[in-house]
N, C-alpha and C. Protein backbone atom coordinates (compact mmCIF):
# COMPACT_ATOMS: atom_id res chain seq x y z
N MET A 1 -208.07 17.56 -44.17
CA MET A 1 -207.55 18.44 -43.16
C MET A 1 -208.74 19.09 -42.44
N ALA A 2 -208.74 19.07 -41.14
CA ALA A 2 -209.83 19.62 -40.35
C ALA A 2 -209.93 21.13 -40.53
N ASN A 3 -211.16 21.63 -40.52
CA ASN A 3 -211.43 23.07 -40.59
C ASN A 3 -210.84 23.74 -41.82
N THR A 4 -210.84 23.03 -42.93
CA THR A 4 -210.36 23.59 -44.19
C THR A 4 -211.54 23.87 -45.09
N TYR A 5 -211.55 25.03 -45.70
CA TYR A 5 -212.63 25.40 -46.61
C TYR A 5 -212.05 25.70 -47.98
N SER A 6 -212.67 25.17 -49.00
CA SER A 6 -212.23 25.42 -50.36
C SER A 6 -213.45 25.60 -51.25
N GLN A 7 -213.41 26.62 -52.09
CA GLN A 7 -214.46 26.81 -53.09
C GLN A 7 -213.77 27.15 -54.39
N LEU A 8 -213.74 26.19 -55.29
CA LEU A 8 -213.12 26.37 -56.59
C LEU A 8 -214.21 26.46 -57.64
N ASP A 9 -214.51 27.66 -58.10
CA ASP A 9 -215.52 27.87 -59.13
C ASP A 9 -214.84 27.85 -60.48
N ILE A 10 -215.21 26.87 -61.29
CA ILE A 10 -214.53 26.60 -62.55
C ILE A 10 -215.47 26.87 -63.73
N HIS A 11 -214.98 27.57 -64.72
CA HIS A 11 -215.69 27.77 -65.98
C HIS A 11 -214.93 26.99 -67.04
N CYS A 12 -215.59 26.03 -67.66
CA CYS A 12 -214.96 25.25 -68.74
C CYS A 12 -215.78 25.38 -70.01
N VAL A 13 -215.08 25.44 -71.12
CA VAL A 13 -215.71 25.48 -72.44
C VAL A 13 -215.05 24.41 -73.29
N PHE A 14 -215.87 23.65 -74.00
CA PHE A 14 -215.32 22.69 -74.97
C PHE A 14 -216.21 22.65 -76.19
N ALA A 15 -215.61 22.29 -77.31
CA ALA A 15 -216.29 22.34 -78.60
C ALA A 15 -216.46 20.93 -79.17
N VAL A 16 -217.37 20.85 -80.14
CA VAL A 16 -217.54 19.59 -80.86
C VAL A 16 -216.46 19.51 -81.93
N LYS A 17 -216.21 18.29 -82.40
CA LYS A 17 -215.19 18.11 -83.44
C LYS A 17 -215.54 18.92 -84.67
N GLY A 18 -214.54 19.61 -85.19
CA GLY A 18 -214.72 20.40 -86.40
C GLY A 18 -215.64 21.60 -86.24
N ARG A 19 -216.01 21.91 -85.00
CA ARG A 19 -216.94 23.01 -84.71
C ARG A 19 -218.22 22.90 -85.55
N GLU A 20 -218.64 21.66 -85.80
CA GLU A 20 -219.88 21.43 -86.55
C GLU A 20 -221.07 21.73 -85.65
N ASN A 21 -222.17 22.13 -86.24
CA ASN A 21 -223.39 22.47 -85.50
C ASN A 21 -224.23 21.21 -85.25
N ILE A 22 -223.72 20.33 -84.38
CA ILE A 22 -224.41 19.04 -84.18
C ILE A 22 -225.22 18.99 -82.89
N ILE A 23 -225.06 19.94 -81.99
CA ILE A 23 -225.86 19.96 -80.77
C ILE A 23 -227.11 20.77 -81.09
N THR A 24 -228.11 20.06 -81.58
CA THR A 24 -229.30 20.71 -82.11
C THR A 24 -230.33 20.98 -81.02
N ALA A 25 -231.28 21.84 -81.35
CA ALA A 25 -232.31 22.25 -80.40
C ALA A 25 -233.16 21.09 -79.91
N ASN A 26 -233.28 20.01 -80.69
CA ASN A 26 -234.16 18.91 -80.28
C ASN A 26 -233.61 18.12 -79.09
N PHE A 27 -232.31 18.27 -78.74
CA PHE A 27 -231.79 17.58 -77.56
C PHE A 27 -230.86 18.44 -76.70
N ARG A 28 -230.62 19.67 -77.08
CA ARG A 28 -229.65 20.53 -76.38
C ARG A 28 -230.00 20.72 -74.90
N ASP A 29 -231.24 21.10 -74.59
CA ASP A 29 -231.62 21.34 -73.19
C ASP A 29 -231.53 20.06 -72.36
N GLU A 30 -231.94 18.95 -72.95
CA GLU A 30 -231.86 17.67 -72.24
C GLU A 30 -230.40 17.28 -71.97
N LEU A 31 -229.52 17.54 -72.94
CA LEU A 31 -228.09 17.28 -72.77
C LEU A 31 -227.53 18.12 -71.61
N HIS A 32 -227.90 19.39 -71.56
CA HIS A 32 -227.42 20.27 -70.49
C HIS A 32 -227.90 19.77 -69.13
N ARG A 33 -229.16 19.34 -69.03
CA ARG A 33 -229.67 18.79 -67.77
C ARG A 33 -228.93 17.51 -67.40
N TYR A 34 -228.67 16.66 -68.40
CA TYR A 34 -227.93 15.42 -68.15
C TYR A 34 -226.53 15.73 -67.62
N MET A 35 -225.86 16.69 -68.23
CA MET A 35 -224.51 17.06 -67.80
C MET A 35 -224.52 17.63 -66.39
N SER A 36 -225.53 18.39 -66.02
CA SER A 36 -225.65 18.87 -64.64
C SER A 36 -225.75 17.71 -63.67
N GLY A 37 -226.51 16.68 -64.05
CA GLY A 37 -226.63 15.49 -63.22
C GLY A 37 -225.31 14.75 -63.08
N VAL A 38 -224.53 14.68 -64.15
CA VAL A 38 -223.22 14.02 -64.11
C VAL A 38 -222.30 14.78 -63.15
N LEU A 39 -222.29 16.10 -63.23
CA LEU A 39 -221.46 16.90 -62.33
C LEU A 39 -221.84 16.63 -60.88
N LYS A 40 -223.15 16.61 -60.58
CA LYS A 40 -223.61 16.33 -59.21
C LYS A 40 -223.16 14.95 -58.75
N LYS A 41 -223.35 13.96 -59.62
CA LYS A 41 -222.98 12.58 -59.29
C LYS A 41 -221.48 12.47 -58.99
N ASP A 42 -220.67 13.24 -59.70
CA ASP A 42 -219.22 13.20 -59.52
C ASP A 42 -218.75 14.01 -58.31
N GLY A 43 -219.68 14.68 -57.62
CA GLY A 43 -219.31 15.43 -56.43
C GLY A 43 -219.10 16.92 -56.66
N SER A 44 -219.25 17.37 -57.90
CA SER A 44 -219.17 18.80 -58.18
C SER A 44 -220.55 19.41 -57.97
N PHE A 45 -220.60 20.74 -57.90
CA PHE A 45 -221.87 21.42 -57.76
C PHE A 45 -222.09 22.28 -59.00
N PRO A 46 -223.01 21.86 -59.90
CA PRO A 46 -223.22 22.64 -61.12
C PRO A 46 -223.90 23.97 -60.84
N LEU A 47 -223.33 25.03 -61.34
CA LEU A 47 -223.91 26.37 -61.22
C LEU A 47 -224.63 26.75 -62.51
N ALA A 48 -224.10 26.31 -63.66
CA ALA A 48 -224.72 26.55 -64.96
C ALA A 48 -224.11 25.60 -65.99
N VAL A 49 -224.95 25.08 -66.85
CA VAL A 49 -224.51 24.32 -68.02
C VAL A 49 -225.32 24.85 -69.18
N ASN A 50 -224.63 25.30 -70.21
CA ASN A 50 -225.30 25.90 -71.34
C ASN A 50 -224.41 25.78 -72.56
N GLY A 51 -224.84 26.28 -73.65
CA GLY A 51 -224.01 26.24 -74.85
C GLY A 51 -224.83 26.51 -76.09
N TRP A 52 -224.25 26.13 -77.20
CA TRP A 52 -224.89 26.37 -78.49
C TRP A 52 -224.67 25.15 -79.36
N LYS A 53 -224.83 25.29 -80.64
CA LYS A 53 -224.77 24.15 -81.57
C LYS A 53 -223.40 23.51 -81.65
N ASP A 54 -222.34 24.29 -81.37
CA ASP A 54 -220.99 23.78 -81.61
C ASP A 54 -220.09 23.80 -80.37
N HIS A 55 -220.63 24.19 -79.21
CA HIS A 55 -219.80 24.21 -77.99
C HIS A 55 -220.68 24.19 -76.74
N ILE A 56 -220.05 23.89 -75.60
CA ILE A 56 -220.75 23.82 -74.32
C ILE A 56 -219.95 24.58 -73.27
N HIS A 57 -220.65 25.33 -72.44
CA HIS A 57 -220.08 26.01 -71.29
C HIS A 57 -220.55 25.29 -70.03
N THR A 58 -219.64 25.06 -69.10
CA THR A 58 -220.01 24.54 -67.79
C THR A 58 -219.41 25.46 -66.74
N PHE A 59 -220.16 25.70 -65.70
CA PHE A 59 -219.70 26.51 -64.58
C PHE A 59 -220.08 25.74 -63.33
N PHE A 60 -219.09 25.34 -62.54
CA PHE A 60 -219.36 24.46 -61.41
C PHE A 60 -218.35 24.65 -60.30
N GLU A 61 -218.74 24.25 -59.10
CA GLU A 61 -217.83 24.22 -57.97
C GLU A 61 -217.16 22.85 -57.96
N LEU A 62 -215.87 22.83 -57.99
CA LEU A 62 -215.08 21.60 -58.06
C LEU A 62 -214.62 21.19 -56.66
N PRO A 63 -214.79 19.92 -56.29
CA PRO A 63 -214.24 19.47 -55.00
C PRO A 63 -212.73 19.65 -54.97
N ALA A 64 -212.19 20.00 -53.82
CA ALA A 64 -210.76 20.28 -53.70
C ALA A 64 -209.90 19.07 -54.04
N ALA A 65 -210.41 17.87 -53.84
CA ALA A 65 -209.63 16.66 -54.08
C ALA A 65 -209.68 16.19 -55.53
N MET A 66 -210.39 16.90 -56.41
CA MET A 66 -210.53 16.47 -57.79
C MET A 66 -209.82 17.44 -58.74
N ALA A 67 -209.16 16.91 -59.74
CA ALA A 67 -208.51 17.74 -60.76
C ALA A 67 -209.53 18.13 -61.82
N VAL A 68 -209.39 19.34 -62.35
CA VAL A 68 -210.29 19.81 -63.41
C VAL A 68 -210.26 18.84 -64.59
N SER A 69 -209.08 18.37 -64.95
CA SER A 69 -208.97 17.47 -66.10
C SER A 69 -209.72 16.16 -65.87
N ASP A 70 -209.71 15.66 -64.63
CA ASP A 70 -210.46 14.43 -64.33
C ASP A 70 -211.97 14.68 -64.46
N GLN A 71 -212.44 15.79 -63.92
CA GLN A 71 -213.86 16.10 -64.01
C GLN A 71 -214.30 16.25 -65.46
N MET A 72 -213.50 16.96 -66.25
CA MET A 72 -213.87 17.17 -67.65
C MET A 72 -213.80 15.88 -68.45
N ARG A 73 -212.81 15.03 -68.18
CA ARG A 73 -212.73 13.74 -68.87
C ARG A 73 -213.99 12.92 -68.59
N MET A 74 -214.42 12.87 -67.32
CA MET A 74 -215.61 12.10 -66.96
C MET A 74 -216.87 12.71 -67.57
N LEU A 75 -216.98 14.04 -67.52
CA LEU A 75 -218.16 14.71 -68.06
C LEU A 75 -218.28 14.51 -69.56
N LYS A 76 -217.19 14.69 -70.28
CA LYS A 76 -217.22 14.54 -71.73
C LYS A 76 -217.47 13.08 -72.13
N ALA A 77 -216.84 12.13 -71.45
CA ALA A 77 -217.02 10.71 -71.78
C ALA A 77 -218.45 10.26 -71.50
N THR A 78 -218.98 10.64 -70.34
CA THR A 78 -220.33 10.22 -69.96
C THR A 78 -221.38 10.84 -70.86
N SER A 79 -221.26 12.13 -71.15
CA SER A 79 -222.25 12.77 -72.01
C SER A 79 -222.11 12.31 -73.46
N SER A 80 -220.90 12.00 -73.90
CA SER A 80 -220.70 11.44 -75.24
C SER A 80 -221.40 10.09 -75.37
N LYS A 81 -221.28 9.27 -74.32
CA LYS A 81 -221.95 7.97 -74.32
C LYS A 81 -223.47 8.16 -74.36
N TRP A 82 -223.99 9.12 -73.59
CA TRP A 82 -225.42 9.41 -73.58
C TRP A 82 -225.89 9.82 -74.98
N ILE A 83 -225.11 10.68 -75.64
CA ILE A 83 -225.44 11.12 -77.00
C ILE A 83 -225.49 9.92 -77.94
N ASN A 84 -224.49 9.04 -77.85
CA ASN A 84 -224.45 7.87 -78.74
C ASN A 84 -225.52 6.85 -78.40
N ASP A 85 -225.77 6.60 -77.12
CA ASP A 85 -226.81 5.64 -76.72
C ASP A 85 -228.19 6.07 -77.19
N ASN A 86 -228.41 7.37 -77.30
CA ASN A 86 -229.69 7.90 -77.76
C ASN A 86 -229.70 8.17 -79.27
N ASN A 87 -228.65 7.74 -79.97
CA ASN A 87 -228.55 7.88 -81.43
C ASN A 87 -228.75 9.32 -81.90
N LEU A 88 -228.17 10.25 -81.17
CA LEU A 88 -228.30 11.66 -81.52
C LEU A 88 -227.19 12.13 -82.46
N VAL A 89 -226.00 11.60 -82.27
CA VAL A 89 -224.83 11.91 -83.11
C VAL A 89 -224.00 10.65 -83.17
N LYS A 90 -223.41 10.37 -84.31
CA LYS A 90 -222.56 9.18 -84.43
C LYS A 90 -221.13 9.51 -84.04
N GLY A 91 -220.47 8.58 -83.34
CA GLY A 91 -219.07 8.74 -82.99
C GLY A 91 -218.87 9.63 -81.79
N ARG A 92 -217.64 10.05 -81.60
CA ARG A 92 -217.29 10.94 -80.49
C ARG A 92 -217.56 12.37 -80.90
N PRO A 93 -218.49 13.03 -80.21
CA PRO A 93 -218.86 14.37 -80.68
C PRO A 93 -217.89 15.49 -80.30
N TYR A 94 -217.07 15.30 -79.26
CA TYR A 94 -216.28 16.41 -78.74
C TYR A 94 -214.82 16.37 -79.19
N ARG A 95 -214.22 17.55 -79.24
CA ARG A 95 -212.78 17.65 -79.41
C ARG A 95 -212.12 17.19 -78.11
N THR A 96 -210.85 16.82 -78.17
CA THR A 96 -210.18 16.30 -76.98
C THR A 96 -209.76 17.41 -76.02
N CYS A 97 -209.69 18.65 -76.48
CA CYS A 97 -209.22 19.74 -75.62
C CYS A 97 -210.40 20.47 -74.98
N PHE A 98 -210.08 21.30 -73.99
CA PHE A 98 -211.07 22.17 -73.35
C PHE A 98 -210.35 23.38 -72.78
N PHE A 99 -211.10 24.41 -72.50
CA PHE A 99 -210.60 25.62 -71.87
C PHE A 99 -211.16 25.67 -70.46
N ALA A 100 -210.34 25.98 -69.47
CA ALA A 100 -210.82 26.09 -68.09
C ALA A 100 -210.21 27.31 -67.43
N GLN A 101 -210.99 27.96 -66.57
CA GLN A 101 -210.48 29.06 -65.78
C GLN A 101 -211.17 29.05 -64.43
N ILE A 102 -210.45 29.48 -63.42
CA ILE A 102 -211.02 29.63 -62.08
C ILE A 102 -211.64 31.01 -62.01
N ILE A 103 -212.87 31.07 -61.55
CA ILE A 103 -213.57 32.34 -61.41
C ILE A 103 -213.49 32.76 -59.95
N SER A 104 -212.94 33.93 -59.71
CA SER A 104 -212.83 34.44 -58.34
C SER A 104 -214.04 35.31 -58.04
N LEU A 105 -214.75 34.96 -56.99
CA LEU A 105 -215.91 35.75 -56.59
C LEU A 105 -215.58 36.70 -55.44
N LEU A 106 -214.32 36.71 -55.03
CA LEU A 106 -213.90 37.58 -53.93
C LEU A 106 -213.19 38.81 -54.47
N PRO A 107 -213.37 39.94 -53.83
CA PRO A 107 -212.76 41.20 -54.29
C PRO A 107 -211.29 41.33 -53.86
N TYR A 108 -210.38 40.63 -54.52
CA TYR A 108 -208.99 40.61 -54.10
C TYR A 108 -208.22 41.88 -54.41
N GLY A 109 -208.81 42.82 -55.11
CA GLY A 109 -208.10 44.05 -55.43
C GLY A 109 -208.03 45.03 -54.26
N ARG A 110 -208.83 44.82 -53.23
CA ARG A 110 -208.85 45.74 -52.09
C ARG A 110 -207.85 45.30 -51.03
N PRO A 111 -207.44 46.22 -50.15
CA PRO A 111 -206.55 45.85 -49.04
C PRO A 111 -207.19 44.76 -48.18
N ALA A 112 -206.37 43.90 -47.61
CA ALA A 112 -206.87 42.74 -46.87
C ALA A 112 -207.84 43.11 -45.75
N GLY A 113 -207.58 44.15 -45.03
CA GLY A 113 -208.46 44.54 -43.94
C GLY A 113 -209.86 44.86 -44.41
N THR A 114 -210.00 45.62 -45.47
CA THR A 114 -211.33 45.97 -45.97
C THR A 114 -211.99 44.78 -46.66
N ARG A 115 -211.20 43.96 -47.31
CA ARG A 115 -211.76 42.77 -47.99
C ARG A 115 -212.39 41.84 -46.96
N HIS A 116 -211.70 41.59 -45.86
CA HIS A 116 -212.20 40.64 -44.88
C HIS A 116 -213.37 41.21 -44.07
N ASN A 117 -213.44 42.51 -43.94
CA ASN A 117 -214.58 43.11 -43.23
C ASN A 117 -215.88 42.90 -43.99
N SER A 118 -215.82 42.79 -45.29
CA SER A 118 -217.05 42.66 -46.09
C SER A 118 -217.50 41.21 -46.21
N LEU A 119 -216.69 40.25 -45.80
CA LEU A 119 -217.07 38.84 -45.95
C LEU A 119 -217.98 38.40 -44.89
C-alpha cells in the first residue's frame, strides 16, 4: 500500500531445552552476532540480541508482511543448524515455544493532540 508506514518492535525470548546451561561463554557472543545476521538477512532489523546460558533475548523491527512466528521459526532453525554444524551442542538446543511482545515506543497515554505534537 502506498504511503504506509509500519514499525513493529518485537521482543522475543526463548529458552534451551530443559533450561540447561548449554549456551556457554566460549560461543555465546558469536551466536548472538550470527543471530543478528540472520535477522538482517530475513529482512528484520536487529536492535539487540543477547541472553545467558539457558535463554536468548531478541529485540528487532519486524517487516509488516512477516509474522512473528515465521521469523522466530527461521531464526531458531538457522541458529540451531549453526550450533550443530560447529559441534557446539548435540541435537536441537531450543524449546519449541517462545515469548513475544510488541514494544511501543510512542507515548499513547497522552491525549492525541499533545502526542502528535511531540512526534
